[in-house]
Amino acid sequence: MSLQARLVATAVAAAFVATPALAAELTGTLKKIKDSGVVVLGHRDASIPFSYLAGGATPVGYSHDLQLKVVEKLKKDLNMPNLQVKYNLVTSQTRIPLVQNGTVDLECGSTTNNIERQRQVDFSVGIFEIGTRLLTAKTTGIKDFADLKGKNVVTTAGTTSERQLKAMNAAKSLGMNIISAKDHGESFLMLESGRAAAFMMDDALLFGEMAKAKSPANWVVVGTPQSYEVYGCMVRKGDAPFKKVVDDAIKATYASGEINKIYSKWFLQPVPPKNLNLNFPMSGAIKALIKRPTDRAVDQL
């Protein structure tokens, strides 16, 4: 082999090693992104502090920061430094269909990974763990779920909390009037305006709603958690190469310790739009997720 041929072969081999995602022919979402030059990220508008709009057109939040780590890895693995990012607003009810039909490539928000949803989409390794509790005014005297008997209780449509609340109401004959709002912001508005006595949702989201209240000191999160749930990022089912990129990006953020800065930014420091501090320290369960990442749901652990 001539010197020139050897130099060309060496350069090709180096490029091949530098872009491991291209080691095999691209398929699925990776091919879609490579061909289009665009990755579409699903986001929420009111899931504070995970994924929400804080006055601008671009989403912000803890989960969104992890999405951007995936974008960084896609740019590197696909050798696409100019990869475009497009945002697509999703709700609790539309997020799964929009991932399934290819409108959204990746959704990182406040989506619980459970067995039922695993039949429809695949999940990344866990990014957060919560307990489902209640937000109520300090003046209501509500301390736990038994105190909801005969009261108006709001939750967000299409969430696991909605299903749990309806099952509890039937099983314990509590006579609650359950209101299903379109999103977390509307749920809190129902609560703040007095149309509901309590708001059931994931505890971290409740702290987020409390932080944007007119008078945060008037509200309190109470109740024995009715479930513990793990959030994950959603990708299309059966797309293992893309899921691996997502998982690897999140795991690398954990391993480097950068996750601690991201967590502190959103849960231990003032957050927009009102620059209030959620004061939500990292739990032992979340620390365990970071130490031993898994894509299994809580009901599989």
Protein backbone atom coordinates (compact mmCIF):
# COMPACT_ATOMS: atom_id res chain seq x y z
CA MET A 1 0.00 0.00 0.00
CA SER A 2 1.34 3.44 -0.94
CA LEU A 3 1.97 6.13 1.67
CA GLN A 4 -0.96 8.17 0.34
CA ALA A 5 -3.29 5.19 0.56
CA ARG A 6 -2.18 4.47 4.12
CA LEU A 7 -2.84 8.11 5.13
CA VAL A 8 -6.33 8.00 3.63
CA ALA A 9 -7.08 4.70 5.38
CA THR A 10 -5.87 6.10 8.71
CA ALA A 11 -8.04 9.21 8.35
CA VAL A 12 -11.11 7.14 7.50
CA ALA A 13 -10.50 4.84 10.48
CA ALA A 14 -10.07 7.82 12.81
CA ALA A 15 -13.32 9.38 11.63
CA PHE A 16 -15.07 6.05 12.06
CA VAL A 17 -13.89 5.76 15.68
CA ALA A 18 -14.78 9.39 16.43
CA THR A 19 -18.43 8.88 15.50
CA PRO A 20 -19.51 5.60 17.14
CA ALA A 21 -23.18 6.18 16.36
CA LEU A 22 -22.25 5.90 12.66
CA ALA A 23 -20.45 2.57 13.10
CA ALA A 24 -23.55 0.87 11.74
CA GLU A 25 -26.16 2.08 9.31
CA LEU A 26 -28.49 4.50 11.06
CA THR A 27 -32.10 3.49 11.62
CA GLY A 28 -35.18 4.83 13.36
CA THR A 29 -34.97 8.16 15.16
CA LEU A 30 -31.22 8.58 14.63
CA LYS A 31 -31.70 8.29 10.85
CA LYS A 32 -34.66 10.70 10.99
CA ILE A 33 -32.52 13.25 12.87
CA LYS A 34 -29.51 12.77 10.57
CA ASP A 35 -31.59 13.09 7.40
CA SER A 36 -33.63 16.09 8.55
CA GLY A 37 -30.94 17.94 10.52
CA VAL A 38 -33.52 18.48 13.26
CA VAL A 39 -34.33 16.91 16.63
CA VAL A 40 -37.80 17.61 18.03
CA LEU A 41 -38.07 17.92 21.81
CA GLY A 42 -41.40 17.63 23.58
CA HIS A 43 -41.90 20.02 26.49
CA ARG A 44 -44.54 21.09 28.99
CA ASP A 45 -45.75 24.61 29.68
CA ALA A 46 -46.46 24.34 33.41
CA SER A 47 -44.52 21.45 34.99
CA ILE A 48 -42.44 23.63 37.31
CA PRO A 49 -39.51 23.07 37.81
CA PHE A 50 -39.14 20.18 35.35
CA SER A 51 -40.28 21.55 32.00
CA TYR A 52 -42.16 24.82 31.60
CA LEU A 53 -42.35 28.23 29.99
CA ALA A 54 -41.13 31.10 32.14
CA GLY A 55 -42.17 34.00 29.94
CA GLY A 56 -40.29 33.11 26.77
CA ALA A 57 -40.84 30.73 23.86
CA THR A 58 -38.06 28.33 24.90
CA PRO A 59 -38.76 25.88 27.73
CA VAL A 60 -36.67 25.72 30.88
CA GLY A 61 -36.36 23.30 33.79
CA TYR A 62 -34.56 20.37 35.35
CA SER A 63 -35.78 17.80 32.82
CA HIS A 64 -35.17 20.22 29.98
CA ASP A 65 -31.53 20.62 31.03
CA LEU A 66 -31.17 16.82 30.79
CA GLN A 67 -32.75 16.94 27.32
CA LEU A 68 -30.09 19.39 26.26
CA LYS A 69 -27.41 16.92 27.44
CA VAL A 70 -28.92 14.44 24.98
CA VAL A 71 -28.78 17.07 22.22
CA GLU A 72 -25.08 17.63 22.98
CA LYS A 73 -24.42 13.90 22.61
CA LEU A 74 -26.40 13.71 19.37
CA LYS A 75 -24.32 16.53 17.91
CA LYS A 76 -21.14 14.66 18.81
CA ASP A 77 -22.20 11.12 17.89
CA LEU A 78 -23.80 12.11 14.58
CA ASN A 79 -21.09 14.68 13.77
CA MET A 80 -23.78 17.36 13.49
CA PRO A 81 -22.52 20.49 15.31
CA ASN A 82 -25.27 22.54 13.68
CA LEU A 83 -28.11 20.18 14.64
CA GLN A 84 -31.31 22.21 14.92
CA VAL A 85 -33.58 21.89 17.94
CA LYS A 86 -37.32 22.33 17.51
CA TYR A 87 -39.76 22.39 20.42
CA ASN A 88 -43.22 20.89 20.49
CA LEU A 89 -45.61 21.60 23.36
CA VAL A 90 -47.21 18.49 24.87
CA THR A 91 -49.77 17.94 27.63
CA SER A 92 -50.39 15.04 29.98
CA GLN A 93 -52.89 13.68 27.46
CA THR A 94 -50.98 14.26 24.19
CA ARG A 95 -47.39 13.43 25.21
CA ILE A 96 -47.54 9.67 24.55
CA PRO A 97 -49.38 9.86 21.17
CA LEU A 98 -46.99 12.56 19.92
CA VAL A 99 -43.97 10.40 20.76
CA GLN A 100 -45.63 7.33 19.21
CA ASN A 101 -46.51 9.01 15.91
CA GLY A 102 -43.08 10.60 15.42
CA THR A 103 -44.09 14.22 15.97
CA VAL A 104 -41.79 14.36 19.01
CA ASP A 105 -38.44 12.54 19.14
CA LEU A 106 -37.80 12.90 22.88
CA GLU A 107 -39.99 14.01 25.78
CA CYS A 108 -38.36 14.86 29.11
CA GLY A 109 -40.78 16.43 31.53
CA SER A 110 -42.62 14.93 34.46
CA THR A 111 -43.75 11.64 32.93
CA THR A 112 -44.03 8.64 35.22
CA ASN A 113 -42.46 5.41 33.99
CA ASN A 114 -44.94 2.62 34.70
CA ILE A 115 -45.76 -0.79 33.25
CA GLU A 116 -48.90 0.45 31.51
CA ARG A 117 -47.01 3.17 29.64
CA GLN A 118 -44.13 0.82 28.81
CA ARG A 119 -46.54 -0.98 26.48
CA GLN A 120 -46.77 2.22 24.42
CA VAL A 121 -43.32 3.85 24.64
CA ASP A 122 -39.84 3.20 25.99
CA PHE A 123 -38.31 5.12 28.87
CA SER A 124 -34.81 6.32 29.59
CA VAL A 125 -33.10 5.61 32.89
CA GLY A 126 -34.90 7.38 35.71
CA ILE A 127 -34.38 11.11 36.14
CA PHE A 128 -36.41 11.76 39.32
CA GLU A 129 -38.51 10.04 41.99
CA ILE A 130 -41.59 11.55 43.64
CA GLY A 131 -44.43 10.74 46.04
CA THR A 132 -48.07 11.65 45.27
CA ARG A 133 -49.42 14.01 47.95
CA LEU A 134 -51.75 16.98 48.45
CA LEU A 135 -51.41 20.74 48.22
CA THR A 136 -53.92 22.69 50.30
CA ALA A 137 -54.34 26.00 52.09
CA LYS A 138 -53.12 25.97 55.68
CA THR A 139 -56.56 27.15 56.77
CA THR A 140 -58.45 24.07 55.46
CA GLY A 141 -57.32 21.75 58.24
CA ILE A 142 -56.67 19.00 55.68
CA LYS A 143 -53.82 16.79 56.90
CA ASP A 144 -54.25 13.56 54.94
CA PHE A 145 -56.37 11.87 52.28
CA ALA A 146 -59.07 10.79 54.74
CA ASP A 147 -59.85 14.48 55.29
CA LEU A 148 -60.97 14.83 51.66
CA LYS A 149 -64.35 13.16 52.30
CA GLY A 150 -67.14 15.08 50.57
CA LYS A 151 -64.80 17.78 49.29
CA ASN A 152 -63.89 19.13 45.86
CA VAL A 153 -60.45 17.80 44.90
CA VAL A 154 -58.59 18.76 41.74
CA THR A 155 -55.92 16.89 39.81
CA THR A 156 -54.53 17.06 36.28
CA ALA A 157 -56.19 15.02 33.53
CA GLY A 158 -54.21 12.14 32.06
CA THR A 159 -51.94 11.68 35.10
CA THR A 160 -51.41 8.75 37.43
CA SER A 161 -52.74 10.94 40.25
CA GLU A 162 -56.08 11.21 38.45
CA ARG A 163 -56.35 7.43 38.25
CA GLN A 164 -55.32 6.97 41.90
CA LEU A 165 -57.77 9.58 43.13
CA LYS A 166 -60.71 8.01 41.28
CA ALA A 167 -59.79 4.53 42.55
CA MET A 168 -59.48 5.81 46.14
CA ASN A 169 -62.81 7.60 45.90
CA ALA A 170 -64.58 4.41 44.81
CA ALA A 171 -62.77 2.03 47.16
CA LYS A 172 -63.20 4.15 50.31
CA SER A 173 -66.57 5.77 49.45
CA LEU A 174 -65.18 9.22 50.17
CA GLY A 175 -67.79 11.06 48.12
CA MET A 176 -65.21 13.45 46.67
CA ASN A 177 -66.06 15.62 43.70
CA ILE A 178 -63.01 15.06 41.50
CA ILE A 179 -62.14 17.86 39.09
CA SER A 180 -59.78 17.00 36.22
CA ALA A 181 -58.01 20.12 34.97
CA LYS A 182 -56.19 20.34 31.64
CA ASP A 183 -52.74 21.05 33.14
CA HIS A 184 -50.99 21.72 36.45
CA GLY A 185 -51.40 25.48 36.12
CA GLU A 186 -55.17 25.16 35.74
CA SER A 187 -55.29 22.68 38.64
CA PHE A 188 -53.59 25.18 40.93
CA LEU A 189 -55.88 27.97 39.69
CA MET A 190 -58.88 25.85 40.75
CA LEU A 191 -57.27 25.45 44.17
CA GLU A 192 -56.18 29.06 44.60
CA SER A 193 -59.60 30.38 43.59
CA GLY A 194 -61.35 28.19 46.16
CA ARG A 195 -63.09 25.88 43.68
CA ALA A 196 -61.16 22.92 45.15
CA ALA A 197 -60.04 22.21 48.69
CA ALA A 198 -56.95 20.24 47.69
CA PHE A 199 -54.79 19.43 44.66
CA MET A 200 -53.35 15.92 44.34
CA MET A 201 -50.18 15.55 42.30
CA ASP A 202 -46.50 14.63 42.49
CA ASP A 203 -44.92 16.33 45.50
CA ALA A 204 -42.16 18.10 43.55
CA LEU A 205 -44.74 19.58 41.16
CA LEU A 206 -46.84 20.73 44.11
CA PHE A 207 -43.85 22.57 45.52
CA GLY A 208 -43.42 24.14 42.09
CA GLU A 209 -47.03 25.36 42.04
CA MET A 210 -46.72 26.66 45.59
CA ALA A 211 -43.64 28.66 44.57
CA LYS A 212 -45.62 30.63 41.99
CA ALA A 213 -48.63 31.31 44.23
CA LYS A 214 -49.62 34.88 45.10
CA SER A 215 -48.81 34.10 48.74
CA PRO A 216 -46.68 30.92 48.94
CA ALA A 217 -46.67 30.98 52.75
CA ASN A 218 -50.44 30.31 52.78
CA TRP A 219 -50.03 26.83 51.29
CA VAL A 220 -48.73 23.50 52.52
CA VAL A 221 -47.99 20.05 51.05
CA VAL A 222 -49.52 17.31 53.21
CA GLY A 223 -50.60 13.67 53.22
CA THR A 224 -49.11 10.19 53.22
CA PRO A 225 -47.72 9.49 49.74
CA GLN A 226 -50.13 7.26 47.86
CA SER A 227 -47.41 6.05 45.52
CA TYR A 228 -43.77 6.54 44.68
CA GLU A 229 -43.07 7.08 41.03
CA VAL A 230 -40.02 7.45 38.82
CA TYR A 231 -39.90 9.98 35.99
CA GLY A 232 -38.17 9.10 32.75
CA CYS A 233 -37.69 10.56 29.28
CA MET A 234 -39.91 9.00 26.63
CA VAL A 235 -38.73 7.69 23.24
CA ARG A 236 -40.47 5.62 20.59
CA LYS A 237 -40.89 1.98 21.47
CA GLY A 238 -38.35 -0.49 20.10
CA ASP A 239 -35.81 2.13 18.99
CA ALA A 240 -32.84 0.73 20.94
CA PRO A 241 -30.04 2.77 19.25
CA PHE A 242 -31.71 6.09 20.04
CA LYS A 243 -32.63 5.02 23.57
CA LYS A 244 -28.97 4.13 24.15
CA VAL A 245 -27.86 7.63 23.15
CA VAL A 246 -30.42 9.12 25.56
CA ASP A 247 -29.43 6.77 28.40
CA ASP A 248 -25.71 7.31 27.86
CA ALA A 249 -26.11 11.10 27.93
CA ILE A 250 -28.03 10.98 31.21
CA LYS A 251 -25.65 8.45 32.79
CA ALA A 252 -22.66 10.59 31.84
CA THR A 253 -24.30 13.60 33.52
CA TYR A 254 -24.75 11.51 36.65
CA ALA A 255 -21.23 10.05 36.61
CA SER A 256 -19.57 13.45 36.16
CA GLY A 257 -21.42 14.90 39.14
CA GLU A 258 -22.92 17.63 36.95
CA ILE A 259 -26.38 16.42 37.97
CA ASN A 260 -25.78 17.95 41.41
CA LYS A 261 -25.40 21.42 39.87
CA ILE A 262 -28.52 20.92 37.75
CA TYR A 263 -30.51 19.72 40.77
CA SER A 264 -29.35 22.62 42.94
CA LYS A 265 -30.22 25.10 40.18
CA TRP A 266 -33.86 24.00 40.07
CA PHE A 267 -34.67 22.75 43.56
CA LEU A 268 -32.40 24.64 45.97
CA GLN A 269 -32.10 28.07 44.33
CA PRO A 270 -34.63 30.69 43.18
CA VAL A 271 -36.35 29.68 39.93
CA PRO A 272 -38.27 31.76 37.40
CA PRO A 273 -40.79 33.22 36.89
CA LYS A 274 -41.04 34.54 40.48
CA ASN A 275 -37.53 33.66 41.64
CA LEU A 276 -38.79 31.64 44.58
CA ASN A 277 -36.86 28.75 46.11
CA LEU A 278 -38.61 25.37 46.22
CA ASN A 279 -36.31 24.21 49.05
CA PHE A 280 -36.69 20.58 47.94
CA PRO A 281 -33.50 18.73 48.99
CA MET A 282 -32.43 15.65 47.04
CA SER A 283 -34.00 12.56 48.61
CA GLY A 284 -32.27 9.28 49.28
CA ALA A 285 -34.35 7.71 46.51
CA ILE A 286 -33.11 10.23 43.96
CA LYS A 287 -29.51 9.76 45.11
CA ALA A 288 -29.98 6.00 44.62
CA LEU A 289 -31.30 6.56 41.06
CA ILE A 290 -28.23 8.63 40.24
CA LYS A 291 -25.86 6.07 41.75
CA ARG A 292 -27.51 3.08 40.06
CA PRO A 293 -29.38 4.28 36.94
CA THR A 294 -32.20 2.01 35.80
CA ASP A 295 -35.05 2.24 33.31
CA ARG A 296 -37.30 0.07 35.43
CA ALA A 297 -40.48 1.51 36.89
CA VAL A 298 -41.09 1.66 40.64
CA ASP A 299 -43.61 -1.17 40.32
CA GLN A 300 -40.82 -3.33 38.85
CA LEU A 301 -38.22 -2.64 41.53
